[in-house]
Amino acid sequence: VQLQASGGGLVQTGGSLRLSCAASGHIFSVDVMRWYRQAPGKQRELVTRFRGSRTPDYVDSVKGRFTISRDSAKNTVYLQMNNLTSEDTAVYYCAHFGTSVTWGRGTLVTVSS
């Protein structure tokens, strides 16, 4: 499995970005893909993941602002991020939880005030 994340960049507070993560190779399903992030000096944290037919999980700090979605035909997962704050500044990673865990290289999101 190979994962390619993109869409990061510099945005002002209150702005929006959409991250994409394209999977290739022997993927299990885009439904097992997740978004993580790691802010400077902090541990990597789970941002969101799918839960089958149920509402996806979101870390409390992004609820109501971030939305995960997928295009199974394209083996791509998206993360729509709205109303960004400086607390969202981090490297964002996508991960595929198949028989083993595969991590993408990460894409940097910087939110400036």
PDB file of N, CA and C in Angstrom:
ATOM      1  N   VAL A   1       0.847  -1.192   0.000  1.00  0.00           N
ATOM      2  CA  VAL A   1       0.000   0.000   0.000  1.00  0.00           C
ATOM      3  C   VAL A   1       0.881   1.241   0.000  1.00  0.00           C
ATOM      4  N   GLN A   2       0.542   2.169  -0.851  1.00  0.00           N
ATOM      5  CA  GLN A   2       1.225   3.460  -0.859  1.00  0.00           C
ATOM      6  C   GLN A   2       0.170   4.551  -0.690  1.00  0.00           C
ATOM      7  N   LEU A   3       0.510   5.538   0.118  1.00  0.00           N
ATOM      8  CA  LEU A   3      -0.408   6.628   0.385  1.00  0.00           C
ATOM      9  C   LEU A   3       0.253   7.944   0.013  1.00  0.00           C
ATOM     10  N   GLN A   4      -0.481   8.775  -0.668  1.00  0.00           N
ATOM     11  CA  GLN A   4       0.032  10.077  -1.070  1.00  0.00           C
ATOM     12  C   GLN A   4      -0.926  11.149  -0.590  1.00  0.00           C
ATOM     13  N   ALA A   5      -0.480  11.898   0.412  1.00  0.00           N
ATOM     14  CA  ALA A   5      -1.296  12.978   0.949  1.00  0.00           C
ATOM     15  C   ALA A   5      -0.922  14.288   0.278  1.00  0.00           C
ATOM     16  N   SER A   6      -1.905  15.126   0.107  1.00  0.00           N
ATOM     17  CA  SER A   6      -1.670  16.431  -0.508  1.00  0.00           C
ATOM     18  C   SER A   6      -2.716  17.418  -0.021  1.00  0.00           C
ATOM     19  N   GLY A   7      -2.490  18.687  -0.338  1.00  0.00           N
ATOM     20  CA  GLY A   7      -3.477  19.703  -0.020  1.00  0.00           C
ATOM     21  C   GLY A   7      -3.104  20.621   1.119  1.00  0.00           C
ATOM     22  N   GLY A   8      -2.008  20.340   1.789  1.00  0.00           N
ATOM     23  CA  GLY A   8      -1.594  21.209   2.876  1.00  0.00           C
ATOM     24  C   GLY A   8      -1.093  22.540   2.360  1.00  0.00           C
ATOM     25  N   GLY A   9      -0.876  23.441   3.276  1.00  0.00           N
ATOM     26  CA  GLY A   9      -0.380  24.754   2.897  1.00  0.00           C
ATOM     27  C   GLY A   9      -0.545  25.752   4.013  1.00  0.00           C
ATOM     28  N   LEU A  10      -0.381  27.006   3.657  1.00  0.00           N
ATOM     29  CA  LEU A  10      -0.509  28.114   4.604  1.00  0.00           C
ATOM     30  C   LEU A  10      -1.877  28.756   4.422  1.00  0.00           C
ATOM     31  N   VAL A  11      -2.572  28.925   5.522  1.00  0.00           N
ATOM     32  CA  VAL A  11      -3.907  29.520   5.473  1.00  0.00           C
ATOM     33  C   VAL A  11      -4.082  30.415   6.693  1.00  0.00           C
ATOM     34  N   GLN A  12      -4.894  31.430   6.551  1.00  0.00           N
ATOM     35  CA  GLN A  12      -5.158  32.318   7.681  1.00  0.00           C
ATOM     36  C   GLN A  12      -6.208  31.742   8.603  1.00  0.00           C
ATOM     37  N   THR A  13      -6.199  32.201   9.810  1.00  0.00           N
ATOM     38  CA  THR A  13      -7.213  31.802  10.782  1.00  0.00           C
ATOM     39  C   THR A  13      -8.605  32.019  10.206  1.00  0.00           C
ATOM     40  N   GLY A  14      -9.439  31.012  10.364  1.00  0.00           N
ATOM     41  CA  GLY A  14     -10.787  31.082   9.827  1.00  0.00           C
ATOM     42  C   GLY A  14     -10.917  30.534   8.423  1.00  0.00           C
ATOM     43  N   GLY A  15      -9.809  30.234   7.809  1.00  0.00           N
ATOM     44  CA  GLY A  15      -9.821  29.725   6.450  1.00  0.00           C
ATOM     45  C   GLY A  15     -10.095  28.237   6.376  1.00  0.00           C
ATOM     46  N   SER A  16     -10.043  27.714   5.166  1.00  0.00           N
ATOM     47  CA  SER A  16     -10.346  26.307   4.916  1.00  0.00           C
ATOM     48  C   SER A  16      -9.285  25.671   4.026  1.00  0.00           C
ATOM     49  N   LEU A  17      -9.141  24.384   4.194  1.00  0.00           N
ATOM     50  CA  LEU A  17      -8.292  23.579   3.327  1.00  0.00           C
ATOM     51  C   LEU A  17      -8.951  22.227   3.164  1.00  0.00           C
ATOM     52  N   ARG A  18      -8.666  21.585   2.051  1.00  0.00           N
ATOM     53  CA  ARG A  18      -9.094  20.206   1.867  1.00  0.00           C
ATOM     54  C   ARG A  18      -7.883  19.348   1.554  1.00  0.00           C
ATOM     55  N   LEU A  19      -7.660  18.384   2.415  1.00  0.00           N
ATOM     56  CA  LEU A  19      -6.582  17.435   2.219  1.00  0.00           C
ATOM     57  C   LEU A  19      -7.099  16.220   1.463  1.00  0.00           C
ATOM     58  N   SER A  20      -6.213  15.638   0.682  1.00  0.00           N
ATOM     59  CA  SER A  20      -6.534  14.419  -0.037  1.00  0.00           C
ATOM     60  C   SER A  20      -5.494  13.365   0.283  1.00  0.00           C
ATOM     61  N   CYS A  21      -5.919  12.123   0.265  1.00  0.00           N
ATOM     62  CA  CYS A  21      -4.994  11.011   0.456  1.00  0.00           C
ATOM     63  C   CYS A  21      -5.377   9.932  -0.542  1.00  0.00           C
ATOM     64  N   ALA A  22      -4.509   9.751  -1.516  1.00  0.00           N
ATOM     65  CA  ALA A  22      -4.760   8.751  -2.550  1.00  0.00           C
ATOM     66  C   ALA A  22      -3.996   7.479  -2.207  1.00  0.00           C
ATOM     67  N   ALA A  23      -4.697   6.369  -2.229  1.00  0.00           N
ATOM     68  CA  ALA A  23      -4.092   5.081  -1.916  1.00  0.00           C
ATOM     69  C   ALA A  23      -3.904   4.277  -3.184  1.00  0.00           C
ATOM     70  N   SER A  24      -2.820   3.535  -3.224  1.00  0.00           N
ATOM     71  CA  SER A  24      -2.565   2.647  -4.349  1.00  0.00           C
ATOM     72  C   SER A  24      -1.960   1.358  -3.825  1.00  0.00           C
ATOM     73  N   GLY A  25      -1.974   0.359  -4.669  1.00  0.00           N
ATOM     74  CA  GLY A  25      -1.454  -0.930  -4.246  1.00  0.00           C
ATOM     75  C   GLY A  25      -2.571  -1.815  -3.728  1.00  0.00           C
ATOM     76  N   HIS A  26      -2.221  -2.742  -2.884  1.00  0.00           N
ATOM     77  CA  HIS A  26      -3.195  -3.714  -2.374  1.00  0.00           C
ATOM     78  C   HIS A  26      -3.890  -3.160  -1.130  1.00  0.00           C
ATOM     79  N   ILE A  27      -4.750  -2.194  -1.368  1.00  0.00           N
ATOM     80  CA  ILE A  27      -5.449  -1.635  -0.223  1.00  0.00           C
ATOM     81  C   ILE A  27      -6.593  -2.545   0.180  1.00  0.00           C
ATOM     82  N   PHE A  28      -6.886  -2.509   1.467  1.00  0.00           N
ATOM     83  CA  PHE A  28      -8.010  -3.291   1.988  1.00  0.00           C
ATOM     84  C   PHE A  28      -9.310  -2.587   1.657  1.00  0.00           C
ATOM     85  N   SER A  29      -9.374  -1.361   2.039  1.00  0.00           N
ATOM     86  CA  SER A  29     -10.563  -0.551   1.792  1.00  0.00           C
ATOM     87  C   SER A  29     -10.258   0.877   2.219  1.00  0.00           C
ATOM     88  N   VAL A  30     -10.842   1.831   1.522  1.00  0.00           N
ATOM     89  CA  VAL A  30     -10.656   3.215   1.977  1.00  0.00           C
ATOM     90  C   VAL A  30     -11.362   3.433   3.311  1.00  0.00           C
ATOM     91  N   ASP A  31     -12.271   2.524   3.669  1.00  0.00           N
ATOM     92  CA  ASP A  31     -12.974   2.662   4.935  1.00  0.00           C
ATOM     93  C   ASP A  31     -12.057   2.479   6.139  1.00  0.00           C
ATOM     94  N   VAL A  32     -10.878   1.900   5.922  1.00  0.00           N
ATOM     95  CA  VAL A  32      -9.963   1.708   7.051  1.00  0.00           C
ATOM     96  C   VAL A  32      -8.873   2.776   7.055  1.00  0.00           C
ATOM     97  N   MET A  33      -9.077   3.810   6.291  1.00  0.00           N
ATOM     98  CA  MET A  33      -8.106   4.897   6.283  1.00  0.00           C
ATOM     99  C   MET A  33      -8.481   5.939   7.319  1.00  0.00           C
ATOM    100  N   ARG A  34      -7.473   6.531   7.907  1.00  0.00           N
ATOM    101  CA  ARG A  34      -7.663   7.497   8.986  1.00  0.00           C
ATOM    102  C   ARG A  34      -6.776   8.714   8.745  1.00  0.00           C
ATOM    103  N   TRP A  35      -7.136   9.809   9.389  1.00  0.00           N
ATOM    104  CA  TRP A  35      -6.300  11.003   9.401  1.00  0.00           C
ATOM    105  C   TRP A  35      -5.753  11.234  10.800  1.00  0.00           C
ATOM    106  N   TYR A  36      -4.472  11.464  10.873  1.00  0.00           N
ATOM    107  CA  TYR A  36      -3.791  11.830  12.107  1.00  0.00           C
ATOM    108  C   TYR A  36      -3.113  13.179  11.880  1.00  0.00           C
ATOM    109  N   ARG A  37      -2.673  13.751  12.987  1.00  0.00           N
ATOM    110  CA  ARG A  37      -1.857  14.949  12.876  1.00  0.00           C
ATOM    111  C   ARG A  37      -0.858  15.004  14.027  1.00  0.00           C
ATOM    112  N   GLN A  38       0.218  15.713  13.780  1.00  0.00           N
ATOM    113  CA  GLN A  38       1.230  15.910  14.816  1.00  0.00           C
ATOM    114  C   GLN A  38       1.659  17.363  14.803  1.00  0.00           C
ATOM    115  N   ALA A  39       1.297  18.036  15.873  1.00  0.00           N
ATOM    116  CA  ALA A  39       1.679  19.432  16.022  1.00  0.00           C
ATOM    117  C   ALA A  39       3.089  19.512  16.601  1.00  0.00           C
ATOM    118  N   PRO A  40       3.762  20.627  16.394  1.00  0.00           N
ATOM    119  CA  PRO A  40       5.124  20.780  16.920  1.00  0.00           C
ATOM    120  C   PRO A  40       5.185  20.524  18.422  1.00  0.00           C
ATOM    121  N   GLY A  41       6.082  19.651  18.831  1.00  0.00           N
ATOM    122  CA  GLY A  41       6.269  19.362  20.245  1.00  0.00           C
ATOM    123  C   GLY A  41       5.201  18.497  20.877  1.00  0.00           C
ATOM    124  N   LYS A  42       4.299  17.976  20.056  1.00  0.00           N
ATOM    125  CA  LYS A  42       3.215  17.159  20.595  1.00  0.00           C
ATOM    126  C   LYS A  42       3.222  15.773  19.968  1.00  0.00           C
ATOM    127  N   GLN A  43       2.504  14.873  20.601  1.00  0.00           N
ATOM    128  CA  GLN A  43       2.393  13.528  20.073  1.00  0.00           C
ATOM    129  C   GLN A  43       1.398  13.496  18.916  1.00  0.00           C
ATOM    130  N   ARG A  44       1.576  12.513  18.080  1.00  0.00           N
ATOM    131  CA  ARG A  44       0.629  12.328  16.982  1.00  0.00           C
ATOM    132  C   ARG A  44      -0.728  11.940  17.559  1.00  0.00           C
ATOM    133  N   GLU A  45      -1.781  12.531  17.015  1.00  0.00           N
ATOM    134  CA  GLU A  45      -3.122  12.219  17.505  1.00  0.00           C
ATOM    135  C   GLU A  45      -4.035  11.850  16.348  1.00  0.00           C
ATOM    136  N   LEU A  46      -5.002  11.009  16.660  1.00  0.00           N
ATOM    137  CA  LEU A  46      -6.016  10.641  15.687  1.00  0.00           C
ATOM    138  C   LEU A  46      -6.986  11.800  15.513  1.00  0.00           C
ATOM    139  N   VAL A  47      -7.169  12.225  14.284  1.00  0.00           N
ATOM    140  CA  VAL A  47      -8.097  13.323  14.005  1.00  0.00           C
ATOM    141  C   VAL A  47      -9.481  12.763  13.688  1.00  0.00           C
ATOM    142  N   THR A  48      -9.526  11.803  12.814  1.00  0.00           N
ATOM    143  CA  THR A  48     -10.817  11.250  12.416  1.00  0.00           C
ATOM    144  C   THR A  48     -10.633   9.904  11.737  1.00  0.00           C
ATOM    145  N   ARG A  49     -11.686   9.109  11.790  1.00  0.00           N
ATOM    146  CA  ARG A  49     -11.688   7.813  11.130  1.00  0.00           C
ATOM    147  C   ARG A  49     -13.123   7.432  10.803  1.00  0.00           C
ATOM    148  N   PHE A  50     -13.266   6.564   9.830  1.00  0.00           N
ATOM    149  CA  PHE A  50     -14.574   6.024   9.502  1.00  0.00           C
ATOM    150  C   PHE A  50     -14.951   4.943  10.515  1.00  0.00           C
ATOM    151  N   ARG A  51     -16.256   4.751  10.657  1.00  0.00           N
ATOM    152  CA  ARG A  51     -16.756   3.681  11.525  1.00  0.00           C
ATOM    153  C   ARG A  51     -17.875   2.949  10.802  1.00  0.00           C
ATOM    154  N   GLY A  52     -17.573   2.475   9.607  1.00  0.00           N
ATOM    155  CA  GLY A  52     -18.572   1.746   8.851  1.00  0.00           C
ATOM    156  C   GLY A  52     -19.736   2.661   8.494  1.00  0.00           C
ATOM    157  N   SER A  53     -20.939   2.219   8.810  1.00  0.00           N
ATOM    158  CA  SER A  53     -22.127   2.998   8.489  1.00  0.00           C
ATOM    159  C   SER A  53     -22.425   4.063   9.537  1.00  0.00           C
ATOM    160  N   ARG A  54     -21.700   4.039  10.632  1.00  0.00           N
ATOM    161  CA  ARG A  54     -21.947   5.018  11.685  1.00  0.00           C
ATOM    162  C   ARG A  54     -21.211   6.326  11.398  1.00  0.00           C
ATOM    163  N   THR A  55     -21.561   7.332  12.133  1.00  0.00           N
ATOM    164  CA  THR A  55     -20.893   8.628  11.989  1.00  0.00           C
ATOM    165  C   THR A  55     -19.413   8.480  12.299  1.00  0.00           C
ATOM    166  N   PRO A  56     -18.559   9.070  11.490  1.00  0.00           N
ATOM    167  CA  PRO A  56     -17.131   8.957  11.770  1.00  0.00           C
ATOM    168  C   PRO A  56     -16.764   9.535  13.142  1.00  0.00           C
ATOM    169  N   ASP A  57     -15.679   9.032  13.694  1.00  0.00           N
ATOM    170  CA  ASP A  57     -15.115   9.595  14.922  1.00  0.00           C
ATOM    171  C   ASP A  57     -14.321  10.848  14.594  1.00  0.00           C
ATOM    172  N   TYR A  58     -14.410  11.824  15.478  1.00  0.00           N
ATOM    173  CA  TYR A  58     -13.577  13.020  15.376  1.00  0.00           C
ATOM    174  C   TYR A  58     -13.022  13.348  16.763  1.00  0.00           C
ATOM    175  N   VAL A  59     -11.805  13.806  16.806  1.00  0.00           N
ATOM    176  CA  VAL A  59     -11.274  14.322  18.058  1.00  0.00           C
ATOM    177  C   VAL A  59     -12.094  15.566  18.419  1.00  0.00           C
ATOM    178  N   ASP A  60     -12.307  15.766  19.682  1.00  0.00           N
ATOM    179  CA  ASP A  60     -13.216  16.829  20.132  1.00  0.00           C
ATOM    180  C   ASP A  60     -12.847  18.203  19.558  1.00  0.00           C
ATOM    181  N   SER A  61     -11.585  18.456  19.426  1.00  0.00           N
ATOM    182  CA  SER A  61     -11.143  19.790  19.021  1.00  0.00           C
ATOM    183  C   SER A  61     -11.516  20.143  17.577  1.00  0.00           C
ATOM    184  N   VAL A  62     -11.898  19.156  16.771  1.00  0.00           N
ATOM    185  CA  VAL A  62     -12.232  19.447  15.378  1.00  0.00           C
ATOM    186  C   VAL A  62     -13.696  19.200  15.057  1.00  0.00           C
ATOM    187  N   LYS A  63     -14.452  18.700  16.012  1.00  0.00           N
ATOM    188  CA  LYS A  63     -15.858  18.407  15.757  1.00  0.00           C
ATOM    189  C   LYS A  63     -16.603  19.655  15.294  1.00  0.00           C
ATOM    190  N   GLY A  64     -17.379  19.472  14.245  1.00  0.00           N
ATOM    191  CA  GLY A  64     -18.134  20.579  13.689  1.00  0.00           C
ATOM    192  C   GLY A  64     -17.354  21.410  12.695  1.00  0.00           C
ATOM    193  N   ARG A  65     -16.065  21.172  12.589  1.00  0.00           N
ATOM    194  CA  ARG A  65     -15.232  21.949  11.669  1.00  0.00           C
ATOM    195  C   ARG A  65     -14.599  21.085  10.575  1.00  0.00           C
ATOM    196  N   PHE A  66     -14.260  19.851  10.913  1.00  0.00           N
ATOM    197  CA  PHE A  66     -13.602  18.952   9.970  1.00  0.00           C
ATOM    198  C   PHE A  66     -14.593  17.869   9.527  1.00  0.00           C
ATOM    199  N   THR A  67     -14.420  17.438   8.283  1.00  0.00           N
ATOM    200  CA  THR A  67     -15.257  16.367   7.755  1.00  0.00           C
ATOM    201  C   THR A  67     -14.408  15.416   6.932  1.00  0.00           C
ATOM    202  N   ILE A  68     -14.501  14.141   7.250  1.00  0.00           N
ATOM    203  CA  ILE A  68     -13.828  13.125   6.462  1.00  0.00           C
ATOM    204  C   ILE A  68     -14.807  12.582   5.436  1.00  0.00           C
ATOM    205  N   SER A  69     -14.293  12.311   4.252  1.00  0.00           N
ATOM    206  CA  SER A  69     -15.126  11.726   3.213  1.00  0.00           C
ATOM    207  C   SER A  69     -14.248  10.839   2.339  1.00  0.00           C
ATOM    208  N   ARG A  70     -14.901  10.118   1.429  1.00  0.00           N
ATOM    209  CA  ARG A  70     -14.121   9.188   0.617  1.00  0.00           C
ATOM    210  C   ARG A  70     -14.726   9.064  -0.778  1.00  0.00           C
ATOM    211  N   ASP A  71     -13.873   8.725  -1.691  1.00  0.00           N
ATOM    212  CA  ASP A  71     -14.285   8.362  -3.047  1.00  0.00           C
ATOM    213  C   ASP A  71     -13.687   6.986  -3.295  1.00  0.00           C
ATOM    214  N   SER A  72     -14.486   5.960  -3.073  1.00  0.00           N
ATOM    215  CA  SER A  72     -13.979   4.592  -3.170  1.00  0.00           C
ATOM    216  C   SER A  72     -13.495   4.269  -4.577  1.00  0.00           C
ATOM    217  N   ALA A  73     -14.127   4.830  -5.571  1.00  0.00           N
ATOM    218  CA  ALA A  73     -13.723   4.555  -6.953  1.00  0.00           C
ATOM    219  C   ALA A  73     -12.322   5.071  -7.233  1.00  0.00           C
ATOM    220  N   LYS A  74     -11.940   6.116  -6.534  1.00  0.00           N
ATOM    221  CA  LYS A  74     -10.614   6.704  -6.707  1.00  0.00           C
ATOM    222  C   LYS A  74      -9.645   6.296  -5.609  1.00  0.00           C
ATOM    223  N   ASN A  75     -10.115   5.455  -4.674  1.00  0.00           N
ATOM    224  CA  ASN A  75      -9.284   5.055  -3.529  1.00  0.00           C
ATOM    225  C   ASN A  75      -8.688   6.273  -2.836  1.00  0.00           C
ATOM    226  N   THR A  76      -9.531   7.248  -2.635  1.00  0.00           N
ATOM    227  CA  THR A  76      -9.071   8.511  -2.078  1.00  0.00           C
ATOM    228  C   THR A  76      -9.944   8.914  -0.899  1.00  0.00           C
ATOM    229  N   VAL A  77      -9.296   9.409   0.119  1.00  0.00           N
ATOM    230  CA  VAL A  77      -9.972   9.925   1.294  1.00  0.00           C
ATOM    231  C   VAL A  77      -9.654  11.413   1.400  1.00  0.00           C
ATOM    232  N   TYR A  78     -10.634  12.165   1.857  1.00  0.00           N
ATOM    233  CA  TYR A  78     -10.478  13.602   1.969  1.00  0.00           C
ATOM    234  C   TYR A  78     -10.684  14.062   3.408  1.00  0.00           C
ATOM    235  N   LEU A  79     -10.108  15.189   3.708  1.00  0.00           N
ATOM    236  CA  LEU A  79     -10.359  15.836   4.988  1.00  0.00           C
ATOM    237  C   LEU A  79     -10.635  17.298   4.712  1.00  0.00           C
ATOM    238  N   GLN A  80     -11.890  17.665   4.827  1.00  0.00           N
ATOM    239  CA  GLN A  80     -12.284  19.063   4.672  1.00  0.00           C
ATOM    240  C   GLN A  80     -12.131  19.753   6.018  1.00  0.00           C
ATOM    241  N   MET A  81     -11.359  20.799   6.047  1.00  0.00           N
ATOM    242  CA  MET A  81     -11.070  21.505   7.292  1.00  0.00           C
ATOM    243  C   MET A  81     -11.548  22.948   7.155  1.00  0.00           C
ATOM    244  N   ASN A  82     -12.481  23.325   7.991  1.00  0.00           N
ATOM    245  CA  ASN A  82     -13.039  24.676   7.964  1.00  0.00           C
ATOM    246  C   ASN A  82     -12.755  25.399   9.266  1.00  0.00           C
ATOM    247  N   ASN A  83     -12.865  26.714   9.207  1.00  0.00           N
ATOM    248  CA  ASN A  83     -12.683  27.544  10.399  1.00  0.00           C
ATOM    249  C   ASN A  83     -11.399  27.176  11.152  1.00  0.00           C
ATOM    250  N   LEU A  84     -10.334  27.144  10.407  1.00  0.00           N
ATOM    251  CA  LEU A  84      -9.056  26.716  10.977  1.00  0.00           C
ATOM    252  C   LEU A  84      -8.513  27.727  11.979  1.00  0.00           C
ATOM    253  N   THR A  85      -7.843  27.204  12.973  1.00  0.00           N
ATOM    254  CA  THR A  85      -7.195  28.023  13.991  1.00  0.00           C
ATOM    255  C   THR A  85      -5.722  27.628  14.081  1.00  0.00           C
ATOM    256  N   SER A  86      -4.980  28.417  14.830  1.00  0.00           N
ATOM    257  CA  SER A  86      -3.552  28.122  14.990  1.00  0.00           C
ATOM    258  C   SER A  86      -3.340  26.767  15.655  1.00  0.00           C
ATOM    259  N   GLU A  87      -4.316  26.320  16.415  1.00  0.00           N
ATOM    260  CA  GLU A  87      -4.204  25.014  17.076  1.00  0.00           C
ATOM    261  C   GLU A  87      -4.250  23.860  16.080  1.00  0.00           C
ATOM    262  N   ASP A  88      -4.659  24.145  14.869  1.00  0.00           N
ATOM    263  CA  ASP A  88      -4.714  23.106  13.836  1.00  0.00           C
ATOM    264  C   ASP A  88      -3.398  22.988  13.072  1.00  0.00           C
ATOM    265  N   THR A  89      -2.464  23.869  13.338  1.00  0.00           N
ATOM    266  CA  THR A  89      -1.167  23.779  12.682  1.00  0.00           C
ATOM    267  C   THR A  89      -0.485  22.464  13.048  1.00  0.00           C
ATOM    268  N   ALA A  90      -0.149  21.692  12.037  1.00  0.00           N
ATOM    269  CA  ALA A  90       0.422  20.367  12.269  1.00  0.00           C
ATOM    270  C   ALA A  90       0.779  19.738  10.930  1.00  0.00           C
ATOM    271  N   VAL A  91       1.508  18.648  11.019  1.00  0.00           N
ATOM    272  CA  VAL A  91       1.671  17.778   9.856  1.00  0.00           C
ATOM    273  C   VAL A  91       0.543  16.762   9.917  1.00  0.00           C
ATOM    274  N   TYR A  92      -0.184  16.667   8.835  1.00  0.00           N
ATOM    275  CA  TYR A  92      -1.314  15.761   8.761  1.00  0.00           C
ATOM    276  C   TYR A  92      -0.915  14.509   7.976  1.00  0.00           C
ATOM    277  N   TYR A  93      -1.250  13.375   8.557  1.00  0.00           N
ATOM    278  CA  TYR A  93      -0.913  12.094   7.966  1.00  0.00           C
ATOM    279  C   TYR A  93      -2.176  11.293   7.697  1.00  0.00           C
ATOM    280  N   CYS A  94      -2.176  10.594   6.602  1.00  0.00           N
ATOM    281  CA  CYS A  94      -3.207   9.590   6.417  1.00  0.00           C
ATOM    282  C   CYS A  94      -2.579   8.237   6.693  1.00  0.00           C
ATOM    283  N   ALA A  95      -3.389   7.316   7.117  1.00  0.00           N
ATOM    284  CA  ALA A  95      -2.928   5.976   7.454  1.00  0.00           C
ATOM    285  C   ALA A  95      -3.953   4.956   6.994  1.00  0.00           C
ATOM    286  N   HIS A  96      -3.437   3.819   6.584  1.00  0.00           N
ATOM    287  CA  HIS A  96      -4.291   2.714   6.145  1.00  0.00           C
ATOM    288  C   HIS A  96      -4.124   1.574   7.125  1.00  0.00           C
ATOM    289  N   PHE A  97      -5.218   1.212   7.775  1.00  0.00           N
ATOM    290  CA  PHE A  97      -5.178   0.142   8.768  1.00  0.00           C
ATOM    291  C   PHE A  97      -5.695  -1.142   8.129  1.00  0.00           C
ATOM    292  N   GLY A  98      -4.773  -1.814   7.392  1.00  0.00           N
ATOM    293  CA  GLY A  98      -5.127  -3.096   6.819  1.00  0.00           C
ATOM    294  C   GLY A  98      -4.573  -4.208   7.696  1.00  0.00           C
ATOM    295  N   THR A  99      -3.967  -5.204   7.093  1.00  0.00           N
ATOM    296  CA  THR A  99      -3.331  -6.259   7.882  1.00  0.00           C
ATOM    297  C   THR A  99      -2.120  -5.699   8.620  1.00  0.00           C
ATOM    298  N   SER A 100      -1.588  -4.629   8.126  1.00  0.00           N
ATOM    299  CA  SER A 100      -0.588  -3.834   8.834  1.00  0.00           C
ATOM    300  C   SER A 100      -0.942  -2.363   8.619  1.00  0.00           C
ATOM    301  N   VAL A 101      -0.260  -1.505   9.336  1.00  0.00           N
ATOM    302  CA  VAL A 101      -0.554  -0.086   9.223  1.00  0.00           C
ATOM    303  C   VAL A 101       0.439   0.577   8.276  1.00  0.00           C
ATOM    304  N   THR A 102      -0.079   1.295   7.325  1.00  0.00           N
ATOM    305  CA  THR A 102       0.751   2.046   6.392  1.00  0.00           C
ATOM    306  C   THR A 102       0.504   3.531   6.592  1.00  0.00           C
ATOM    307  N   TRP A 103       1.577   4.281   6.657  1.00  0.00           N
ATOM    308  CA  TRP A 103       1.481   5.727   6.852  1.00  0.00           C
ATOM    309  C   TRP A 103       1.890   6.460   5.581  1.00  0.00           C
ATOM    310  N   GLY A 104       1.192   7.524   5.310  1.00  0.00           N
ATOM    311  CA  GLY A 104       1.612   8.428   4.256  1.00  0.00           C
ATOM    312  C   GLY A 104       2.711   9.340   4.777  1.00  0.00           C
ATOM    313  N   ARG A 105       3.289  10.144   3.891  1.00  0.00           N
ATOM    314  CA  ARG A 105       4.412  10.995   4.269  1.00  0.00           C
ATOM    315  C   ARG A 105       4.007  12.251   5.015  1.00  0.00           C
ATOM    316  N   GLY A 106       2.779  12.603   4.993  1.00  0.00           N
ATOM    317  CA  GLY A 106       2.343  13.788   5.716  1.00  0.00           C
ATOM    318  C   GLY A 106       2.331  15.032   4.847  1.00  0.00           C
ATOM    319  N   THR A 107       1.422  15.910   5.189  1.00  0.00           N
ATOM    320  CA  THR A 107       1.343  17.196   4.504  1.00  0.00           C
ATOM    321  C   THR A 107       1.193  18.283   5.579  1.00  0.00           C
ATOM    322  N   LEU A 108       1.955  19.341   5.444  1.00  0.00           N
ATOM    323  CA  LEU A 108       2.007  20.376   6.473  1.00  0.00           C
ATOM    324  C   LEU A 108       0.888  21.382   6.289  1.00  0.00           C
ATOM    325  N   VAL A 109       0.188  21.624   7.385  1.00  0.00           N
ATOM    326  CA  VAL A 109      -0.834  22.663   7.429  1.00  0.00           C
ATOM    327  C   VAL A 109      -0.381  23.715   8.429  1.00  0.00           C
ATOM    328  N   THR A 110      -0.286  24.936   7.971  1.00  0.00           N
ATOM    329  CA  THR A 110       0.111  26.035   8.831  1.00  0.00           C
ATOM    330  C   THR A 110      -0.989  27.083   8.822  1.00  0.00           C
ATOM    331  N   VAL A 111      -1.485  27.389  10.015  1.00  0.00           N
ATOM    332  CA  VAL A 111      -2.546  28.375  10.136  1.00  0.00           C
ATOM    333  C   VAL A 111      -1.962  29.609  10.806  1.00  0.00           C
ATOM    334  N   SER A 112      -2.019  30.715  10.119  1.00  0.00           N
ATOM    335  CA  SER A 112      -1.451  31.944  10.646  1.00  0.00           C
ATOM    336  C   SER A 112      -2.544  32.870  11.152  1.00  0.00           C
ATOM    337  N   SER A 113      -2.196  33.620  12.173  1.00  0.00           N
ATOM    338  CA  SER A 113      -3.179  34.565  12.745  1.00  0.00           C
ATOM    339  C   SER A 113      -3.105  35.913  12.065  1.00  0.00           C
TER     340      SER A 113
END
